[in-house]
C-alpha atoms as a PDB file:
ATOM      1  CA  UNK A   1      -7.291 -23.850  18.810  1.00  0.00           C
ATOM      2  CA  UNK A   2      -9.451 -24.028  15.686  1.00  0.00           C
ATOM      3  CA  UNK A   3      -9.817 -20.853  13.604  1.00  0.00           C
ATOM      4  CA  UNK A   4     -13.354 -21.594  12.369  1.00  0.00           C
ATOM      5  CA  UNK A   5     -15.762 -18.650  12.360  1.00  0.00           C
ATOM      6  CA  UNK A   6     -17.701 -20.152  15.267  1.00  0.00           C
ATOM      7  CA  UNK A   7     -14.754 -20.746  17.577  1.00  0.00           C
ATOM      8  CA  UNK A   8     -13.735 -18.320  20.303  1.00  0.00           C
ATOM      9  CA  UNK A   9     -10.150 -17.139  20.246  1.00  0.00           C
ATOM     10  CA  UNK A  10      -8.056 -16.777  23.357  1.00  0.00           C
ATOM     11  CA  UNK A  11      -7.034 -13.484  24.905  1.00  0.00           C
ATOM     12  CA  UNK A  12      -3.496 -14.237  23.715  1.00  0.00           C
ATOM     13  CA  UNK A  13      -4.712 -14.645  20.132  1.00  0.00           C
ATOM     14  CA  UNK A  14      -6.475 -11.283  20.246  1.00  0.00           C
ATOM     15  CA  UNK A  15      -3.398  -9.676  21.800  1.00  0.00           C
ATOM     16  CA  UNK A  16      -1.149 -11.169  19.115  1.00  0.00           C
ATOM     17  CA  UNK A  17      -3.394  -9.933  16.306  1.00  0.00           C
ATOM     18  CA  UNK A  18      -3.551  -6.511  17.958  1.00  0.00           C
ATOM     19  CA  UNK A  19       0.259  -6.437  18.152  1.00  0.00           C
ATOM     20  CA  UNK A  20       0.563  -7.298  14.448  1.00  0.00           C
ATOM     21  CA  UNK A  21      -1.922  -4.557  13.537  1.00  0.00           C
ATOM     22  CA  UNK A  22       0.056  -2.118  15.682  1.00  0.00           C
ATOM     23  CA  UNK A  23       3.255  -2.942  13.771  1.00  0.00           C
ATOM     24  CA  UNK A  24       1.424  -2.471  10.459  1.00  0.00           C
ATOM     25  CA  UNK A  25       0.057   0.861  11.667  1.00  0.00           C
ATOM     26  CA  UNK A  26       3.558   1.961  12.658  1.00  0.00           C
ATOM     27  CA  UNK A  27       4.714   1.322   9.115  1.00  0.00           C
ATOM     28  CA  UNK A  28       1.687   3.057   7.623  1.00  0.00           C
ATOM     29  CA  UNK A  29       2.204   6.067   9.913  1.00  0.00           C
ATOM     30  CA  UNK A  30       5.831   6.236   8.783  1.00  0.00           C
ATOM     31  CA  UNK A  31       4.712   5.954   5.157  1.00  0.00           C
ATOM     32  CA  UNK A  32       2.153   8.742   5.440  1.00  0.00           C
ATOM     33  CA  UNK A  33       4.661  11.018   7.193  1.00  0.00           C
ATOM     34  CA  UNK A  34       7.381  10.321   4.619  1.00  0.00           C
ATOM     35  CA  UNK A  35       5.025  11.051   1.741  1.00  0.00           C
ATOM     36  CA  UNK A  36       3.802  14.189   3.495  1.00  0.00           C
ATOM     37  CA  UNK A  37       7.375  15.468   3.867  1.00  0.00           C
ATOM     38  CA  UNK A  38       7.701  15.547   0.068  1.00  0.00           C
ATOM     39  CA  UNK A  39       4.244  17.091  -0.360  1.00  0.00           C
ATOM     40  CA  UNK A  40       2.497  13.938  -1.498  1.00  0.00           C
ATOM     41  CA  UNK A  41      -0.725  12.636   0.071  1.00  0.00           C
ATOM     42  CA  UNK A  42      -0.512   8.950   1.036  1.00  0.00           C
ATOM     43  CA  UNK A  43      -3.162   7.997  -1.539  1.00  0.00           C
ATOM     44  CA  UNK A  44      -1.151   9.632  -4.335  1.00  0.00           C
ATOM     45  CA  UNK A  45       1.972   7.825  -3.147  1.00  0.00           C
ATOM     46  CA  UNK A  46       0.087   4.520  -3.297  1.00  0.00           C
ATOM     47  CA  UNK A  47      -1.153   5.350  -6.797  1.00  0.00           C
ATOM     48  CA  UNK A  48       2.393   6.118  -7.963  1.00  0.00           C
ATOM     49  CA  UNK A  49       3.613   2.798  -6.559  1.00  0.00           C
ATOM     50  CA  UNK A  50       0.827   0.868  -8.262  1.00  0.00           C
ATOM     51  CA  UNK A  51       1.426   2.565 -11.602  1.00  0.00           C
ATOM     52  CA  UNK A  52       5.212   2.141 -11.403  1.00  0.00           C
ATOM     53  CA  UNK A  53       4.848  -1.560 -10.630  1.00  0.00           C
ATOM     54  CA  UNK A  54       2.172  -2.315 -13.211  1.00  0.00           C
ATOM     55  CA  UNK A  55       3.030  -4.466 -16.204  1.00  0.00           C
ATOM     56  CA  UNK A  56       1.192  -2.875 -19.092  1.00  0.00           C
ATOM     57  CA  UNK A  57      -0.525   0.458 -19.566  1.00  0.00           C
ATOM     58  CA  UNK A  58      -2.173   1.466 -16.276  1.00  0.00           C
ATOM     59  CA  UNK A  59      -5.551   3.192 -16.488  1.00  0.00           C
ATOM     60  CA  UNK A  60      -7.841   5.052 -14.129  1.00  0.00           C
ATOM     61  CA  UNK A  61      -9.719   1.775 -13.644  1.00  0.00           C
ATOM     62  CA  UNK A  62      -6.490   0.066 -12.612  1.00  0.00           C
ATOM     63  CA  UNK A  63      -5.822   2.834 -10.060  1.00  0.00           C
ATOM     64  CA  UNK A  64      -9.363   2.394  -8.693  1.00  0.00           C
ATOM     65  CA  UNK A  65      -8.822  -1.363  -8.287  1.00  0.00           C
ATOM     66  CA  UNK A  66      -5.419  -1.001  -6.640  1.00  0.00           C
ATOM     67  CA  UNK A  67      -6.505   1.686  -4.180  1.00  0.00           C
ATOM     68  CA  UNK A  68      -9.901   0.083  -3.492  1.00  0.00           C
ATOM     69  CA  UNK A  69     -11.722   3.272  -4.471  1.00  0.00           C
ATOM     70  CA  UNK A  70     -14.602   4.110  -6.804  1.00  0.00           C
ATOM     71  CA  UNK A  71     -13.716   4.810 -10.440  1.00  0.00           C
ATOM     72  CA  UNK A  72     -14.938   8.422 -10.145  1.00  0.00           C
ATOM     73  CA  UNK A  73     -12.730   8.944  -7.087  1.00  0.00           C
ATOM     74  CA  UNK A  74      -9.791   7.482  -9.002  1.00  0.00           C
ATOM     75  CA  UNK A  75     -10.510   9.813 -11.934  1.00  0.00           C
ATOM     76  CA  UNK A  76     -10.423  12.800  -9.586  1.00  0.00           C
ATOM     77  CA  UNK A  77      -7.210  11.556  -7.972  1.00  0.00           C
ATOM     78  CA  UNK A  78      -5.566  11.076 -11.367  1.00  0.00           C
ATOM     79  CA  UNK A  79      -6.678  14.559 -12.467  1.00  0.00           C
ATOM     80  CA  UNK A  80      -5.027  16.080  -9.381  1.00  0.00           C
ATOM     81  CA  UNK A  81      -1.850  14.112 -10.068  1.00  0.00           C
ATOM     82  CA  UNK A  82      -1.805  15.282 -13.686  1.00  0.00           C
ATOM     83  CA  UNK A  83      -2.254  18.873 -12.474  1.00  0.00           C
ATOM     84  CA  UNK A  84       0.669  18.453 -10.038  1.00  0.00           C
ATOM     85  CA  UNK A  85       2.899  17.122 -12.808  1.00  0.00           C
ATOM     86  CA  UNK A  86       3.153  13.528 -11.547  1.00  0.00           C
ATOM     87  CA  UNK A  87       1.224  11.812 -14.352  1.00  0.00           C
ATOM     88  CA  UNK A  88       0.484  12.160 -18.016  1.00  0.00           C
ATOM     89  CA  UNK A  89      -2.504  10.659 -19.824  1.00  0.00           C
ATOM     90  CA  UNK A  90      -2.594   9.466 -23.431  1.00  0.00           C
ATOM     91  CA  UNK A  91      -5.080   7.421 -25.423  1.00  0.00           C
ATOM     92  CA  UNK A  92      -4.166   3.731 -25.517  1.00  0.00           C
ATOM     93  CA  UNK A  93      -2.975   2.441 -28.873  1.00  0.00           C
ATOM     94  CA  UNK A  94      -5.303  -0.611 -28.797  1.00  0.00           C
ATOM     95  CA  UNK A  95      -8.402   1.181 -27.509  1.00  0.00           C
ATOM     96  CA  UNK A  96      -8.416   4.932 -28.096  1.00  0.00           C
ATOM     97  CA  UNK A  97     -11.315   5.340 -25.629  1.00  0.00           C
ATOM     98  CA  UNK A  98      -9.070   4.311 -22.727  1.00  0.00           C
ATOM     99  CA  UNK A  99      -6.458   6.620 -21.279  1.00  0.00           C
ATOM    100  CA  UNK A 100      -3.096   5.130 -20.334  1.00  0.00           C
ATOM    101  CA  UNK A 101      -1.255   6.732 -17.438  1.00  0.00           C
ATOM    102  CA  UNK A 102       2.481   7.353 -17.295  1.00  0.00           C
ATOM    103  CA  UNK A 103       4.724   8.614 -14.527  1.00  0.00           C
ATOM    104  CA  UNK A 104       6.617  11.820 -15.213  1.00  0.00           C
ATOM    105  CA  UNK A 105      10.311  12.271 -14.348  1.00  0.00           C
ATOM    106  CA  UNK A 106       9.141  14.344 -11.364  1.00  0.00           C
ATOM    107  CA  UNK A 107       7.054  11.397 -10.126  1.00  0.00           C
ATOM    108  CA  UNK A 108       9.908   8.954 -10.653  1.00  0.00           C
ATOM    109  CA  UNK A 109      12.282  11.131  -8.610  1.00  0.00           C
ATOM    110  CA  UNK A 110       9.822  11.429  -5.715  1.00  0.00           C
ATOM    111  CA  UNK A 111       8.983   7.731  -5.882  1.00  0.00           C
ATOM    112  CA  UNK A 112      12.663   6.746  -5.824  1.00  0.00           C
ATOM    113  CA  UNK A 113      13.253   8.930  -2.763  1.00  0.00           C
ATOM    114  CA  UNK A 114      10.226   7.531  -0.941  1.00  0.00           C
ATOM    115  CA  UNK A 115      10.937   3.926  -1.889  1.00  0.00           C
ATOM    116  CA  UNK A 116      14.502   4.159  -0.591  1.00  0.00           C
ATOM    117  CA  UNK A 117      13.208   5.514   2.726  1.00  0.00           C
ATOM    118  CA  UNK A 118      10.476   2.860   2.895  1.00  0.00           C
ATOM    119  CA  UNK A 119      12.884   0.000   2.266  1.00  0.00           C
ATOM    120  CA  UNK A 120      15.150   1.267   5.043  1.00  0.00           C
ATOM    121  CA  UNK A 121      12.179   1.504   7.405  1.00  0.00           C
ATOM    122  CA  UNK A 122      10.999  -1.990   6.471  1.00  0.00           C
ATOM    123  CA  UNK A 123      14.445  -3.358   7.292  1.00  0.00           C
ATOM    124  CA  UNK A 124      14.171  -1.749  10.712  1.00  0.00           C
ATOM    125  CA  UNK A 125      10.634  -3.032  11.280  1.00  0.00           C
ATOM    126  CA  UNK A 126      11.144  -6.482   9.777  1.00  0.00           C
ATOM    127  CA  UNK A 127      11.971  -8.297  13.037  1.00  0.00           C
ATOM    128  CA  UNK A 128       8.976  -6.820  14.871  1.00  0.00           C
ATOM    129  CA  UNK A 129       6.621  -7.449  11.947  1.00  0.00           C
ATOM    130  CA  UNK A 130       7.830 -11.020  11.431  1.00  0.00           C
ATOM    131  CA  UNK A 131       7.583 -11.833  15.125  1.00  0.00           C
ATOM    132  CA  UNK A 132       4.152 -10.246  15.448  1.00  0.00           C
ATOM    133  CA  UNK A 133       2.839 -12.137  12.403  1.00  0.00           C
ATOM    134  CA  UNK A 134       4.265 -15.476  13.521  1.00  0.00           C
ATOM    135  CA  UNK A 135       2.896 -15.009  17.033  1.00  0.00           C
ATOM    136  CA  UNK A 136      -0.541 -14.042  15.733  1.00  0.00           C
ATOM    137  CA  UNK A 137      -0.730 -17.096  13.484  1.00  0.00           C
ATOM    138  CA  UNK A 138       0.518 -19.373  16.236  1.00  0.00           C
ATOM    139  CA  UNK A 139      -2.014 -18.026  18.739  1.00  0.00           C
ATOM    140  CA  UNK A 140      -4.917 -18.252  16.291  1.00  0.00           C
ATOM    141  CA  UNK A 141      -4.032 -21.848  15.477  1.00  0.00           C
ATOM    142  CA  UNK A 142      -3.595 -22.742  19.156  1.00  0.00           C
ATOM    143  CA  UNK A 143       0.177 -23.108  19.165  1.00  0.00           C
ATOM    144  CA  UNK A 144       1.785 -21.744  22.310  1.00  0.00           C
ATOM    145  CA  UNK A 145       5.182 -20.734  20.890  1.00  0.00           C
ATOM    146  CA  UNK A 146       5.700 -18.216  18.045  1.00  0.00           C
ATOM    147  CA  UNK A 147       8.271 -19.801  15.767  1.00  0.00           C
END
């Protein structure tokens, strides 16, 4: 079946996409619960991940882009994280008007703990996620077998 905007998908295609979204939601629910257990809101966990994985000095604008939030919302989030001892801010060497963000040792310890738990959970969920994704793509493209 064609996946053009005007084409109608089959019930199986909708079911397969719904199943994939369910598996994603299971992972996200796990992620939110794991972050909550260490006293970290899910949005702050996502910000820590983005900052830790960024090549170069991350800024409030970078956090806004990565979390798909408004710059003012990102500034408020960063301020809360600074207050909780997860981030520090310092003027960038190249542009003193911009503030570079850095993770504190406290943030690194929490992030390591959460990342270890997330990787273990992803290993558990990998077969279901992979199957759900393959089935969804197969159904959308009109193939009857998923992989």
